[in-house]
Amino acid sequence: MRFTGNVPIYEELANYYRRLIQQGALIEGTALPSVREVALNERINPNTVVRAYSLLVEEGYVTSIPKKGYFVSSAKAVGNKGALAHALRALMEEGYSTDDIELALQDIREGKA
């Protein structure tokens, strides 16, 4: 894997595994490589890997099982929830506040947008 430096490494790592899951290369129940393995192979801090995996857990792409590892979640769990969380996070990283997002949603509901 090559890191571009355009975004934080943890986001690039999360994007890499997210794409693999979305493309079906990693199916439900598949174990992701251990934090230690990824950190050694990519020569990055294990905390960076944990942060990437935690992001995937938060988005519903991955489930964490203590002392076992990280596993691809069911397709149902991922569904639109993961894509929505990813889109909202991207908007917030672009500088939009939650108030901005809520106002935009209200405009959509009212047919103003």
C-alpha atoms as a PDB file:
ATOM      1  CA  MET A   1       0.000   0.000   0.000  1.00  0.00           C
ATOM      2  CA  ARG A   2       1.248   3.491  -0.813  1.00  0.00           C
ATOM      3  CA  PHE A   3       0.307   6.456   1.284  1.00  0.00           C
ATOM      4  CA  THR A   4      -0.167   9.666  -0.672  1.00  0.00           C
ATOM      5  CA  GLY A   5       0.148  12.160   2.148  1.00  0.00           C
ATOM      6  CA  ASN A   6      -2.969  13.992   0.957  1.00  0.00           C
ATOM      7  CA  VAL A   7      -5.015  12.737   3.899  1.00  0.00           C
ATOM      8  CA  PRO A   8      -4.021  11.259   7.267  1.00  0.00           C
ATOM      9  CA  ILE A   9      -2.613   7.744   7.076  1.00  0.00           C
ATOM     10  CA  TYR A  10      -5.413   6.287   9.195  1.00  0.00           C
ATOM     11  CA  GLU A  11      -7.972   7.599   6.690  1.00  0.00           C
ATOM     12  CA  GLU A  12      -6.046   6.162   3.744  1.00  0.00           C
ATOM     13  CA  LEU A  13      -5.875   2.819   5.517  1.00  0.00           C
ATOM     14  CA  ALA A  14      -9.595   2.917   6.350  1.00  0.00           C
ATOM     15  CA  ASN A  15     -10.390   3.891   2.735  1.00  0.00           C
ATOM     16  CA  TYR A  16      -8.320   0.947   1.483  1.00  0.00           C
ATOM     17  CA  TYR A  17     -10.227  -1.613   3.582  1.00  0.00           C
ATOM     18  CA  ARG A  18     -13.572   0.118   2.939  1.00  0.00           C
ATOM     19  CA  ARG A  19     -13.020  -0.262  -0.822  1.00  0.00           C
ATOM     20  CA  LEU A  20     -12.083  -3.936  -0.445  1.00  0.00           C
ATOM     21  CA  ILE A  21     -15.274  -4.548   1.512  1.00  0.00           C
ATOM     22  CA  GLN A  22     -17.465  -2.577  -0.903  1.00  0.00           C
ATOM     23  CA  GLN A  23     -15.972  -4.406  -3.886  1.00  0.00           C
ATOM     24  CA  GLY A  24     -16.599  -7.777  -2.268  1.00  0.00           C
ATOM     25  CA  ALA A  25     -12.918  -8.654  -1.986  1.00  0.00           C
ATOM     26  CA  LEU A  26     -13.444  -9.029   1.761  1.00  0.00           C
ATOM     27  CA  ILE A  27     -16.673 -10.791   2.620  1.00  0.00           C
ATOM     28  CA  GLU A  28     -18.696 -11.013   5.810  1.00  0.00           C
ATOM     29  CA  GLY A  29     -16.816 -12.735   8.612  1.00  0.00           C
ATOM     30  CA  THR A  30     -13.389 -12.295   7.053  1.00  0.00           C
ATOM     31  CA  ALA A  31     -10.745 -11.321   9.585  1.00  0.00           C
ATOM     32  CA  LEU A  32      -8.769  -8.193   8.836  1.00  0.00           C
ATOM     33  CA  PRO A  33      -5.019  -8.481   9.337  1.00  0.00           C
ATOM     34  CA  SER A  34      -3.981  -7.934  12.933  1.00  0.00           C
ATOM     35  CA  VAL A  35      -3.068  -4.443  14.053  1.00  0.00           C
ATOM     36  CA  ARG A  36       0.485  -5.579  14.652  1.00  0.00           C
ATOM     37  CA  GLU A  37       0.758  -7.204  11.213  1.00  0.00           C
ATOM     38  CA  VAL A  38      -0.456  -4.096   9.384  1.00  0.00           C
ATOM     39  CA  ALA A  39       1.770  -1.827  11.468  1.00  0.00           C
ATOM     40  CA  LEU A  40       4.853  -3.932  10.715  1.00  0.00           C
ATOM     41  CA  ASN A  41       4.085  -4.423   7.019  1.00  0.00           C
ATOM     42  CA  GLU A  42       3.260  -0.771   6.382  1.00  0.00           C
ATOM     43  CA  ARG A  43       5.853   0.582   8.808  1.00  0.00           C
ATOM     44  CA  ILE A  44       3.330   2.686  10.666  1.00  0.00           C
ATOM     45  CA  ASN A  45       2.406   3.131  14.306  1.00  0.00           C
ATOM     46  CA  PRO A  46      -0.024   0.489  15.637  1.00  0.00           C
ATOM     47  CA  ASN A  47      -2.171   3.326  17.019  1.00  0.00           C
ATOM     48  CA  THR A  48      -2.689   4.504  13.442  1.00  0.00           C
ATOM     49  CA  VAL A  49      -4.022   1.082  12.496  1.00  0.00           C
ATOM     50  CA  VAL A  50      -6.290   1.021  15.553  1.00  0.00           C
ATOM     51  CA  ARG A  51      -7.641   4.435  14.572  1.00  0.00           C
ATOM     52  CA  ALA A  52      -8.369   3.243  11.023  1.00  0.00           C
ATOM     53  CA  TYR A  53     -10.039   0.069  12.242  1.00  0.00           C
ATOM     54  CA  SER A  54     -12.046   2.036  14.822  1.00  0.00           C
ATOM     55  CA  LEU A  55     -13.320   4.279  12.047  1.00  0.00           C
ATOM     56  CA  LEU A  56     -14.466   1.211  10.109  1.00  0.00           C
ATOM     57  CA  VAL A  57     -16.187  -0.123  13.241  1.00  0.00           C
ATOM     58  CA  GLU A  58     -17.939   3.215  13.746  1.00  0.00           C
ATOM     59  CA  GLU A  59     -19.135   3.165  10.128  1.00  0.00           C
ATOM     60  CA  GLY A  60     -20.412  -0.401  10.452  1.00  0.00           C
ATOM     61  CA  TYR A  61     -18.005  -2.007   7.989  1.00  0.00           C
ATOM     62  CA  VAL A  62     -16.122  -3.955  10.642  1.00  0.00           C
ATOM     63  CA  THR A  63     -16.876  -5.549  13.992  1.00  0.00           C
ATOM     64  CA  SER A  64     -14.331  -5.724  16.782  1.00  0.00           C
ATOM     65  CA  ILE A  65     -14.235  -8.872  18.880  1.00  0.00           C
ATOM     66  CA  PRO A  66     -12.009  -8.369  21.918  1.00  0.00           C
ATOM     67  CA  LYS A  67      -8.937 -10.618  21.969  1.00  0.00           C
ATOM     68  CA  LYS A  68      -9.952 -12.041  18.568  1.00  0.00           C
ATOM     69  CA  GLY A  69      -9.552  -9.159  16.131  1.00  0.00           C
ATOM     70  CA  TYR A  70     -11.520  -7.191  13.560  1.00  0.00           C
ATOM     71  CA  PHE A  71     -13.974  -8.868  11.198  1.00  0.00           C
ATOM     72  CA  VAL A  72     -15.983  -7.708   8.191  1.00  0.00           C
ATOM     73  CA  SER A  73     -19.568  -7.002   9.231  1.00  0.00           C
ATOM     74  CA  SER A  74     -22.616  -8.395   7.507  1.00  0.00           C
ATOM     75  CA  ALA A  75     -23.791  -6.627   4.357  1.00  0.00           C
ATOM     76  CA  LYS A  76     -26.945  -5.635   6.190  1.00  0.00           C
ATOM     77  CA  ALA A  77     -24.953  -3.941   8.946  1.00  0.00           C
ATOM     78  CA  VAL A  78     -22.919  -1.988   6.431  1.00  0.00           C
ATOM     79  CA  GLY A  79     -25.687  -1.039   4.034  1.00  0.00           C
ATOM     80  CA  ASN A  80     -26.224   2.672   3.665  1.00  0.00           C
ATOM     81  CA  LYS A  81     -25.233   3.405   7.251  1.00  0.00           C
ATOM     82  CA  GLY A  82     -21.535   3.151   6.476  1.00  0.00           C
ATOM     83  CA  ALA A  83     -21.794   5.204   3.303  1.00  0.00           C
ATOM     84  CA  LEU A  84     -23.845   7.854   5.068  1.00  0.00           C
ATOM     85  CA  ALA A  85     -21.427   8.074   7.988  1.00  0.00           C
ATOM     86  CA  HIS A  86     -18.536   8.371   5.553  1.00  0.00           C
ATOM     87  CA  ALA A  87     -20.288  11.140   3.580  1.00  0.00           C
ATOM     88  CA  LEU A  88     -21.195  13.075   6.716  1.00  0.00           C
ATOM     89  CA  ARG A  89     -17.658  12.784   8.055  1.00  0.00           C
ATOM     90  CA  ALA A  90     -16.307  14.094   4.746  1.00  0.00           C
ATOM     91  CA  LEU A  91     -18.651  17.094   4.914  1.00  0.00           C
ATOM     92  CA  MET A  92     -17.549  17.865   8.454  1.00  0.00           C
ATOM     93  CA  GLU A  93     -13.897  17.600   7.448  1.00  0.00           C
ATOM     94  CA  GLU A  94     -14.644  20.135   4.706  1.00  0.00           C
ATOM     95  CA  GLY A  95     -15.765  22.554   7.404  1.00  0.00           C
ATOM     96  CA  TYR A  96     -19.530  22.059   7.461  1.00  0.00           C
ATOM     97  CA  SER A  97     -21.003  22.099  10.950  1.00  0.00           C
ATOM     98  CA  THR A  98     -23.737  19.787  12.146  1.00  0.00           C
ATOM     99  CA  ASP A  99     -26.034  22.822  12.058  1.00  0.00           C
ATOM    100  CA  ASP A 100     -25.184  23.358   8.368  1.00  0.00           C
ATOM    101  CA  ILE A 101     -25.977  19.722   7.624  1.00  0.00           C
ATOM    102  CA  GLU A 102     -29.239  19.825   9.569  1.00  0.00           C
ATOM    103  CA  LEU A 103     -30.334  22.991   7.732  1.00  0.00           C
ATOM    104  CA  ALA A 104     -29.553  21.384   4.388  1.00  0.00           C
ATOM    105  CA  LEU A 105     -31.597  18.319   5.345  1.00  0.00           C
ATOM    106  CA  GLN A 106     -34.482  20.513   6.441  1.00  0.00           C
ATOM    107  CA  ASP A 107     -34.359  22.341   3.080  1.00  0.00           C
ATOM    108  CA  ILE A 108     -34.470  19.002   1.280  1.00  0.00           C
ATOM    109  CA  ARG A 109     -37.455  17.824   3.338  1.00  0.00           C
ATOM    110  CA  GLU A 110     -39.284  21.072   2.619  1.00  0.00           C
ATOM    111  CA  GLY A 111     -38.488  20.903  -1.087  1.00  0.00           C
ATOM    112  CA  LYS A 112     -36.284  24.003  -1.035  1.00  0.00           C
ATOM    113  CA  ALA A 113     -33.182  22.247  -2.271  1.00  0.00           C
END
